[in-house]
């Protein structure tokens, strides 16, 4: 699951961010609202890339140690600094 998330979704998000960067560069500087909107979209795509990478790394470790259900519960609780395997 973590590998698919990183390899497939991660690559799609990188492609999206790259396309948004190209779109931003093609918008005339006189179109400030459009440039700002494209920039905001690119920032959101970059944030999603970081979160997918973090989640895929986190899931790889904790799913192996604690199981999927506990790893998801642990991630959702925000307790990312402590391994889920210690929560049992």
PDB file of N, CA and C in Angstrom:
ATOM      1  N   UNK A   1       0.825  -1.184   0.000  1.00  0.00           N
ATOM      2  CA  UNK A   1       0.000   0.000   0.000  1.00  0.00           C
ATOM      3  C   UNK A   1       0.879   1.261   0.000  1.00  0.00           C
ATOM      4  N   UNK A   2       1.868   1.289   0.890  1.00  0.00           N
ATOM      5  CA  UNK A   2       2.735   2.468   0.972  1.00  0.00           C
ATOM      6  C   UNK A   2       3.509   2.678  -0.325  1.00  0.00           C
ATOM      7  N   UNK A   3       3.970   1.595  -0.913  1.00  0.00           N
ATOM      8  CA  UNK A   3       4.724   1.704  -2.162  1.00  0.00           C
ATOM      9  C   UNK A   3       3.827   2.232  -3.278  1.00  0.00           C
ATOM     10  N   UNK A   4       2.600   1.707  -3.376  1.00  0.00           N
ATOM     11  CA  UNK A   4       1.664   2.187  -4.397  1.00  0.00           C
ATOM     12  C   UNK A   4       1.347   3.665  -4.194  1.00  0.00           C
ATOM     13  N   UNK A   5       1.139   4.039  -2.934  1.00  0.00           N
ATOM     14  CA  UNK A   5       0.846   5.428  -2.619  1.00  0.00           C
ATOM     15  C   UNK A   5       1.997   6.331  -3.062  1.00  0.00           C
ATOM     16  N   UNK A   6       3.206   5.925  -2.727  1.00  0.00           N
ATOM     17  CA  UNK A   6       4.377   6.739  -3.086  1.00  0.00           C
ATOM     18  C   UNK A   6       4.618   6.718  -4.590  1.00  0.00           C
ATOM     19  N   UNK A   7       4.617   5.539  -5.186  1.00  0.00           N
ATOM     20  CA  UNK A   7       4.982   5.411  -6.601  1.00  0.00           C
ATOM     21  C   UNK A   7       3.916   5.976  -7.533  1.00  0.00           C
ATOM     22  N   UNK A   8       2.672   5.654  -7.299  1.00  0.00           N
ATOM     23  CA  UNK A   8       1.619   6.074  -8.214  1.00  0.00           C
ATOM     24  C   UNK A   8       1.107   7.478  -7.890  1.00  0.00           C
ATOM     25  N   UNK A   9       0.542   7.646  -6.720  1.00  0.00           N
ATOM     26  CA  UNK A   9      -0.023   8.938  -6.352  1.00  0.00           C
ATOM     27  C   UNK A   9       1.063   9.998  -6.250  1.00  0.00           C
ATOM     28  N   UNK A  10       2.209   9.628  -5.694  1.00  0.00           N
ATOM     29  CA  UNK A  10       3.312  10.574  -5.581  1.00  0.00           C
ATOM     30  C   UNK A  10       3.763  11.081  -6.940  1.00  0.00           C
ATOM     31  N   UNK A  11       3.902  10.179  -7.897  1.00  0.00           N
ATOM     32  CA  UNK A  11       4.316  10.585  -9.242  1.00  0.00           C
ATOM     33  C   UNK A  11       3.256  11.446  -9.922  1.00  0.00           C
ATOM     34  N   UNK A  12       1.999  11.097  -9.709  1.00  0.00           N
ATOM     35  CA  UNK A  12       0.922  11.910 -10.286  1.00  0.00           C
ATOM     36  C   UNK A  12       0.939  13.324  -9.711  1.00  0.00           C
ATOM     37  N   UNK A  13       1.187  13.430  -8.414  1.00  0.00           N
ATOM     38  CA  UNK A  13       1.231  14.753  -7.793  1.00  0.00           C
ATOM     39  C   UNK A  13       2.428  15.568  -8.275  1.00  0.00           C
ATOM     40  N   UNK A  14       3.555  14.912  -8.484  1.00  0.00           N
ATOM     41  CA  UNK A  14       4.726  15.616  -9.028  1.00  0.00           C
ATOM     42  C   UNK A  14       4.424  16.117 -10.436  1.00  0.00           C
ATOM     43  N   UNK A  15       3.758  15.295 -11.238  1.00  0.00           N
ATOM     44  CA  UNK A  15       3.371  15.724 -12.589  1.00  0.00           C
ATOM     45  C   UNK A  15       2.409  16.906 -12.516  1.00  0.00           C
ATOM     46  N   UNK A  16       1.479  16.859 -11.581  1.00  0.00           N
ATOM     47  CA  UNK A  16       0.533  17.966 -11.399  1.00  0.00           C
ATOM     48  C   UNK A  16       1.273  19.249 -11.005  1.00  0.00           C
ATOM     49  N   UNK A  17       2.192  19.141 -10.059  1.00  0.00           N
ATOM     50  CA  UNK A  17       2.952  20.318  -9.621  1.00  0.00           C
ATOM     51  C   UNK A  17       3.783  20.894 -10.761  1.00  0.00           C
ATOM     52  N   UNK A  18       4.369  20.025 -11.560  1.00  0.00           N
ATOM     53  CA  UNK A  18       5.164  20.478 -12.704  1.00  0.00           C
ATOM     54  C   UNK A  18       4.287  21.197 -13.725  1.00  0.00           C
ATOM     55  N   UNK A  19       3.130  20.639 -14.008  1.00  0.00           N
ATOM     56  CA  UNK A  19       2.196  21.257 -14.947  1.00  0.00           C
ATOM     57  C   UNK A  19       1.709  22.601 -14.428  1.00  0.00           C
ATOM     58  N   UNK A  20       1.426  22.667 -13.126  1.00  0.00           N
ATOM     59  CA  UNK A  20       0.984  23.940 -12.546  1.00  0.00           C
ATOM     60  C   UNK A  20       2.096  24.993 -12.617  1.00  0.00           C
ATOM     61  N   UNK A  21       3.327  24.560 -12.450  1.00  0.00           N
ATOM     62  CA  UNK A  21       4.461  25.485 -12.582  1.00  0.00           C
ATOM     63  C   UNK A  21       4.552  26.023 -14.009  1.00  0.00           C
ATOM     64  N   UNK A  22       4.372  25.147 -14.982  1.00  0.00           N
ATOM     65  CA  UNK A  22       4.388  25.571 -16.379  1.00  0.00           C
ATOM     66  C   UNK A  22       3.218  26.509 -16.674  1.00  0.00           C
ATOM     67  N   UNK A  23       2.062  26.188 -16.123  1.00  0.00           N
ATOM     68  CA  UNK A  23       0.888  27.038 -16.303  1.00  0.00           C
ATOM     69  C   UNK A  23       1.144  28.421 -15.711  1.00  0.00           C
ATOM     70  N   UNK A  24       1.687  28.451 -14.506  1.00  0.00           N
ATOM     71  CA  UNK A  24       1.989  29.722 -13.849  1.00  0.00           C
ATOM     72  C   UNK A  24       2.935  30.559 -14.711  1.00  0.00           C
ATOM     73  N   UNK A  25       3.948  29.908 -15.273  1.00  0.00           N
ATOM     74  CA  UNK A  25       4.910  30.614 -16.113  1.00  0.00           C
ATOM     75  C   UNK A  25       4.328  31.129 -17.415  1.00  0.00           C
ATOM     76  N   UNK A  26       3.247  30.522 -17.865  1.00  0.00           N
ATOM     77  CA  UNK A  26       2.654  30.948 -19.136  1.00  0.00           C
ATOM     78  C   UNK A  26       1.600  32.039 -18.975  1.00  0.00           C
ATOM     79  N   UNK A  27       1.221  32.331 -17.742  1.00  0.00           N
ATOM     80  CA  UNK A  27       0.220  33.378 -17.498  1.00  0.00           C
ATOM     81  C   UNK A  27       0.920  34.736 -17.507  1.00  0.00           C
ATOM     82  N   UNK A  28       0.421  35.673 -18.290  1.00  0.00           N
ATOM     83  CA  UNK A  28       1.050  36.994 -18.342  1.00  0.00           C
ATOM     84  C   UNK A  28       1.076  37.654 -16.963  1.00  0.00           C
ATOM     85  N   UNK A  29       2.143  38.390 -16.698  1.00  0.00           N
ATOM     86  CA  UNK A  29       2.285  39.041 -15.391  1.00  0.00           C
ATOM     87  C   UNK A  29       1.154  40.038 -15.121  1.00  0.00           C
ATOM     88  N   UNK A  30       0.486  40.488 -16.163  1.00  0.00           N
ATOM     89  CA  UNK A  30      -0.630  41.418 -15.988  1.00  0.00           C
ATOM     90  C   UNK A  30      -1.875  40.729 -15.414  1.00  0.00           C
ATOM     91  N   UNK A  31      -1.909  39.396 -15.467  1.00  0.00           N
ATOM     92  CA  UNK A  31      -3.050  38.635 -14.933  1.00  0.00           C
ATOM     93  C   UNK A  31      -2.724  38.168 -13.513  1.00  0.00           C
ATOM     94  N   UNK A  32      -2.681  39.126 -12.608  1.00  0.00           N
ATOM     95  CA  UNK A  32      -2.261  38.830 -11.233  1.00  0.00           C
ATOM     96  C   UNK A  32      -3.149  37.808 -10.530  1.00  0.00           C
ATOM     97  N   UNK A  33      -4.453  37.922 -10.730  1.00  0.00           N
ATOM     98  CA  UNK A  33      -5.367  36.989 -10.062  1.00  0.00           C
ATOM     99  C   UNK A  33      -5.133  35.560 -10.530  1.00  0.00           C
ATOM    100  N   UNK A  34      -4.956  35.377 -11.824  1.00  0.00           N
ATOM    101  CA  UNK A  34      -4.707  34.037 -12.355  1.00  0.00           C
ATOM    102  C   UNK A  34      -3.362  33.490 -11.881  1.00  0.00           C
ATOM    103  N   UNK A  35      -2.349  34.342 -11.869  1.00  0.00           N
ATOM    104  CA  UNK A  35      -1.022  33.915 -11.403  1.00  0.00           C
ATOM    105  C   UNK A  35      -1.081  33.524  -9.926  1.00  0.00           C
ATOM    106  N   UNK A  36      -1.821  34.301  -9.142  1.00  0.00           N
ATOM    107  CA  UNK A  36      -1.954  33.990  -7.717  1.00  0.00           C
ATOM    108  C   UNK A  36      -2.689  32.661  -7.527  1.00  0.00           C
ATOM    109  N   UNK A  37      -3.746  32.447  -8.291  1.00  0.00           N
ATOM    110  CA  UNK A  37      -4.506  31.203  -8.201  1.00  0.00           C
ATOM    111  C   UNK A  37      -3.643  30.002  -8.597  1.00  0.00           C
ATOM    112  N   UNK A  38      -2.894  30.136  -9.679  1.00  0.00           N
ATOM    113  CA  UNK A  38      -2.006  29.052 -10.110  1.00  0.00           C
ATOM    114  C   UNK A  38      -0.934  28.776  -9.053  1.00  0.00           C
ATOM    115  N   UNK A  39      -0.432  29.829  -8.445  1.00  0.00           N
ATOM    116  CA  UNK A  39       0.583  29.692  -7.402  1.00  0.00           C
ATOM    117  C   UNK A  39       0.008  28.987  -6.169  1.00  0.00           C
ATOM    118  N   UNK A  40      -1.213  29.327  -5.802  1.00  0.00           N
ATOM    119  CA  UNK A  40      -1.869  28.671  -4.673  1.00  0.00           C
ATOM    120  C   UNK A  40      -2.090  27.186  -4.964  1.00  0.00           C
ATOM    121  N   UNK A  41      -2.502  26.876  -6.177  1.00  0.00           N
ATOM    122  CA  UNK A  41      -2.699  25.477  -6.570  1.00  0.00           C
ATOM    123  C   UNK A  41      -1.380  24.708  -6.531  1.00  0.00           C
ATOM    124  N   UNK A  42      -0.328  25.338  -6.976  1.00  0.00           N
ATOM    125  CA  UNK A  42       0.988  24.699  -6.956  1.00  0.00           C
ATOM    126  C   UNK A  42       1.434  24.455  -5.512  1.00  0.00           C
ATOM    127  N   UNK A  43       1.184  25.405  -4.633  1.00  0.00           N
ATOM    128  CA  UNK A  43       1.513  25.231  -3.221  1.00  0.00           C
ATOM    129  C   UNK A  43       0.746  24.085  -2.597  1.00  0.00           C
ATOM    130  N   UNK A  44      -0.518  23.960  -2.958  1.00  0.00           N
ATOM    131  CA  UNK A  44      -1.330  22.856  -2.451  1.00  0.00           C
ATOM    132  C   UNK A  44      -0.824  21.516  -2.978  1.00  0.00           C
ATOM    133  N   UNK A  45      -0.451  21.463  -4.241  1.00  0.00           N
ATOM    134  CA  UNK A  45       0.104  20.229  -4.812  1.00  0.00           C
ATOM    135  C   UNK A  45       1.406  19.864  -4.109  1.00  0.00           C
ATOM    136  N   UNK A  46       2.255  20.851  -3.831  1.00  0.00           N
ATOM    137  CA  UNK A  46       3.512  20.596  -3.121  1.00  0.00           C
ATOM    138  C   UNK A  46       3.250  20.072  -1.712  1.00  0.00           C
ATOM    139  N   UNK A  47       2.248  20.630  -1.047  1.00  0.00           N
ATOM    140  CA  UNK A  47       1.881  20.157   0.297  1.00  0.00           C
ATOM    141  C   UNK A  47       1.404  18.699   0.231  1.00  0.00           C
ATOM    142  N   UNK A  48       0.609  18.383  -0.769  1.00  0.00           N
ATOM    143  CA  UNK A  48       0.124  17.009  -0.934  1.00  0.00           C
ATOM    144  C   UNK A  48       1.283  16.040  -1.185  1.00  0.00           C
ATOM    145  N   UNK A  49       2.257  16.472  -1.959  1.00  0.00           N
ATOM    146  CA  UNK A  49       3.435  15.637  -2.227  1.00  0.00           C
ATOM    147  C   UNK A  49       4.146  15.322  -0.916  1.00  0.00           C
ATOM    148  N   UNK A  50       4.365  16.337  -0.092  1.00  0.00           N
ATOM    149  CA  UNK A  50       5.038  16.123   1.196  1.00  0.00           C
ATOM    150  C   UNK A  50       4.239  15.179   2.083  1.00  0.00           C
ATOM    151  N   UNK A  51       2.927  15.353   2.122  1.00  0.00           N
ATOM    152  CA  UNK A  51       2.087  14.516   2.981  1.00  0.00           C
ATOM    153  C   UNK A  51       2.048  13.071   2.494  1.00  0.00           C
ATOM    154  N   UNK A  52       1.988  12.873   1.185  1.00  0.00           N
ATOM    155  CA  UNK A  52       1.992  11.511   0.645  1.00  0.00           C
ATOM    156  C   UNK A  52       3.322  10.829   0.955  1.00  0.00           C
ATOM    157  N   UNK A  53       4.419  11.554   0.808  1.00  0.00           N
ATOM    158  CA  UNK A  53       5.732  10.977   1.135  1.00  0.00           C
ATOM    159  C   UNK A  53       5.811  10.607   2.605  1.00  0.00           C
ATOM    160  N   UNK A  54       5.366  11.503   3.468  1.00  0.00           N
ATOM    161  CA  UNK A  54       5.382  11.235   4.913  1.00  0.00           C
ATOM    162  C   UNK A  54       4.507  10.036   5.242  1.00  0.00           C
ATOM    163  N   UNK A  55       3.315  10.011   4.688  1.00  0.00           N
ATOM    164  CA  UNK A  55       2.388   8.913   4.961  1.00  0.00           C
ATOM    165  C   UNK A  55       2.925   7.587   4.441  1.00  0.00           C
ATOM    166  N   UNK A  56       3.526   7.592   3.265  1.00  0.00           N
ATOM    167  CA  UNK A  56       4.035   6.333   2.714  1.00  0.00           C
ATOM    168  C   UNK A  56       5.204   5.808   3.536  1.00  0.00           C
ATOM    169  N   UNK A  57       6.061   6.690   4.013  1.00  0.00           N
ATOM    170  CA  UNK A  57       7.169   6.255   4.879  1.00  0.00           C
ATOM    171  C   UNK A  57       6.620   5.754   6.203  1.00  0.00           C
ATOM    172  N   UNK A  58       5.685   6.490   6.759  1.00  0.00           N
ATOM    173  CA  UNK A  58       5.085   6.135   8.037  1.00  0.00           C
ATOM    174  C   UNK A  58       4.372   4.790   7.947  1.00  0.00           C
ATOM    175  N   UNK A  59       3.591   4.597   6.913  1.00  0.00           N
ATOM    176  CA  UNK A  59       2.835   3.351   6.766  1.00  0.00           C
ATOM    177  C   UNK A  59       3.757   2.150   6.587  1.00  0.00           C
ATOM    178  N   UNK A  60       4.823   2.323   5.858  1.00  0.00           N
ATOM    179  CA  UNK A  60       5.747   1.214   5.644  1.00  0.00           C
ATOM    180  C   UNK A  60       6.272   0.698   6.969  1.00  0.00           C
ATOM    181  N   UNK A  61       6.669   1.587   7.836  1.00  0.00           N
ATOM    182  CA  UNK A  61       7.234   1.197   9.122  1.00  0.00           C
ATOM    183  C   UNK A  61       6.170   0.659  10.058  1.00  0.00           C
ATOM    184  N   UNK A  62       5.134   1.437  10.301  1.00  0.00           N
ATOM    185  CA  UNK A  62       4.166   1.068  11.323  1.00  0.00           C
ATOM    186  C   UNK A  62       3.227  -0.056  10.917  1.00  0.00           C
ATOM    187  N   UNK A  63       2.899  -0.173   9.649  1.00  0.00           N
ATOM    188  CA  UNK A  63       2.045  -1.284   9.225  1.00  0.00           C
ATOM    189  C   UNK A  63       2.784  -2.597   9.442  1.00  0.00           C
ATOM    190  N   UNK A  64       4.065  -2.610   9.121  1.00  0.00           N
ATOM    191  CA  UNK A  64       4.854  -3.819   9.336  1.00  0.00           C
ATOM    192  C   UNK A  64       4.928  -4.179  10.813  1.00  0.00           C
ATOM    193  N   UNK A  65       5.013  -3.181  11.683  1.00  0.00           N
ATOM    194  CA  UNK A  65       5.191  -3.424  13.105  1.00  0.00           C
ATOM    195  C   UNK A  65       3.881  -3.640  13.854  1.00  0.00           C
ATOM    196  N   UNK A  66       2.847  -2.862  13.532  1.00  0.00           N
ATOM    197  CA  UNK A  66       1.637  -2.868  14.349  1.00  0.00           C
ATOM    198  C   UNK A  66       0.392  -3.359  13.620  1.00  0.00           C
ATOM    199  N   UNK A  67       0.434  -3.444  12.326  1.00  0.00           N
ATOM    200  CA  UNK A  67      -0.755  -3.805  11.564  1.00  0.00           C
ATOM    201  C   UNK A  67      -1.440  -2.560  11.019  1.00  0.00           C
ATOM    202  N   UNK A  68      -2.185  -2.735   9.948  1.00  0.00           N
ATOM    203  CA  UNK A  68      -2.795  -1.609   9.241  1.00  0.00           C
ATOM    204  C   UNK A  68      -3.759  -0.818  10.124  1.00  0.00           C
ATOM    205  N   UNK A  69      -4.657  -1.502  10.802  1.00  0.00           N
ATOM    206  CA  UNK A  69      -5.675  -0.800  11.593  1.00  0.00           C
ATOM    207  C   UNK A  69      -5.035   0.074  12.675  1.00  0.00           C
ATOM    208  N   UNK A  70      -4.087  -0.473  13.422  1.00  0.00           N
ATOM    209  CA  UNK A  70      -3.420   0.305  14.462  1.00  0.00           C
ATOM    210  C   UNK A  70      -2.584   1.443  13.873  1.00  0.00           C
ATOM    211  N   UNK A  71      -1.938   1.201  12.744  1.00  0.00           N
ATOM    212  CA  UNK A  71      -1.119   2.243  12.121  1.00  0.00           C
ATOM    213  C   UNK A  71      -1.982   3.406  11.659  1.00  0.00           C
ATOM    214  N   UNK A  72      -3.139   3.134  11.071  1.00  0.00           N
ATOM    215  CA  UNK A  72      -4.043   4.200  10.631  1.00  0.00           C
ATOM    216  C   UNK A  72      -4.591   4.961  11.832  1.00  0.00           C
ATOM    217  N   UNK A  73      -5.023   4.233  12.844  1.00  0.00           N
ATOM    218  CA  UNK A  73      -5.540   4.879  14.054  1.00  0.00           C
ATOM    219  C   UNK A  73      -4.459   5.782  14.675  1.00  0.00           C
ATOM    220  N   UNK A  74      -3.250   5.275  14.745  1.00  0.00           N
ATOM    221  CA  UNK A  74      -2.128   6.023  15.313  1.00  0.00           C
ATOM    222  C   UNK A  74      -1.832   7.270  14.485  1.00  0.00           C
ATOM    223  N   UNK A  75      -1.803   7.132  13.180  1.00  0.00           N
ATOM    224  CA  UNK A  75      -1.542   8.275  12.306  1.00  0.00           C
ATOM    225  C   UNK A  75      -2.637   9.323  12.454  1.00  0.00           C
ATOM    226  N   UNK A  76      -3.886   8.876  12.495  1.00  0.00           N
ATOM    227  CA  UNK A  76      -5.015   9.800  12.591  1.00  0.00           C
ATOM    228  C   UNK A  76      -5.021  10.541  13.929  1.00  0.00           C
ATOM    229  N   UNK A  77      -4.487   9.926  14.965  1.00  0.00           N
ATOM    230  CA  UNK A  77      -4.471  10.563  16.279  1.00  0.00           C
ATOM    231  C   UNK A  77      -3.430  11.677  16.365  1.00  0.00           C
ATOM    232  N   UNK A  78      -2.510  11.723  15.401  1.00  0.00           N
ATOM    233  CA  UNK A  78      -1.478  12.744  15.412  1.00  0.00           C
ATOM    234  C   UNK A  78      -0.253  12.364  16.212  1.00  0.00           C
ATOM    235  N   UNK A  79      -0.183  11.124  16.693  1.00  0.00           N
ATOM    236  CA  UNK A  79       0.940  10.657  17.509  1.00  0.00           C
ATOM    237  C   UNK A  79       2.040  10.099  16.632  1.00  0.00           C
ATOM    238  N   UNK A  80       2.547  10.907  15.727  1.00  0.00           N
ATOM    239  CA  UNK A  80       3.493  10.428  14.723  1.00  0.00           C
ATOM    240  C   UNK A  80       4.918  10.270  15.255  1.00  0.00           C
ATOM    241  N   UNK A  81       5.206  10.822  16.413  1.00  0.00           N
ATOM    242  CA  UNK A  81       6.570  10.742  16.935  1.00  0.00           C
ATOM    243  C   UNK A  81       6.859   9.432  17.648  1.00  0.00           C
ATOM    244  N   UNK A  82       5.821   8.695  17.984  1.00  0.00           N
ATOM    245  CA  UNK A  82       5.997   7.422  18.679  1.00  0.00           C
ATOM    246  C   UNK A  82       5.519   6.303  17.755  1.00  0.00           C
ATOM    247  N   UNK A  83       6.283   5.237  17.630  1.00  0.00           N
ATOM    248  CA  UNK A  83       5.860   4.139  16.770  1.00  0.00           C
ATOM    249  C   UNK A  83       4.532   3.537  17.211  1.00  0.00           C
ATOM    250  N   UNK A  84       3.682   3.186  16.263  1.00  0.00           N
ATOM    251  CA  UNK A  84       2.386   2.617  16.567  1.00  0.00           C
ATOM    252  C   UNK A  84       2.519   1.293  17.311  1.00  0.00           C
ATOM    253  N   UNK A  85       3.596   0.564  17.098  1.00  0.00           N
ATOM    254  CA  UNK A  85       3.776  -0.728  17.754  1.00  0.00           C
ATOM    255  C   UNK A  85       3.835  -0.602  19.267  1.00  0.00           C
ATOM    256  N   UNK A  86       4.171   0.584  19.780  1.00  0.00           N
ATOM    257  CA  UNK A  86       4.208   0.812  21.239  1.00  0.00           C
ATOM    258  C   UNK A  86       2.840   1.075  21.822  1.00  0.00           C
ATOM    259  N   UNK A  87       1.830   1.281  20.987  1.00  0.00           N
ATOM    260  CA  UNK A  87       0.505   1.641  21.472  1.00  0.00           C
ATOM    261  C   UNK A  87      -0.350   0.445  21.846  1.00  0.00           C
ATOM    262  N   UNK A  88       0.072  -0.733  21.498  1.00  0.00           N
ATOM    263  CA  UNK A  88      -0.741  -1.925  21.763  1.00  0.00           C
ATOM    264  C   UNK A  88      -0.783  -2.236  23.236  1.00  0.00           C
TER     265      UNK A  88
END
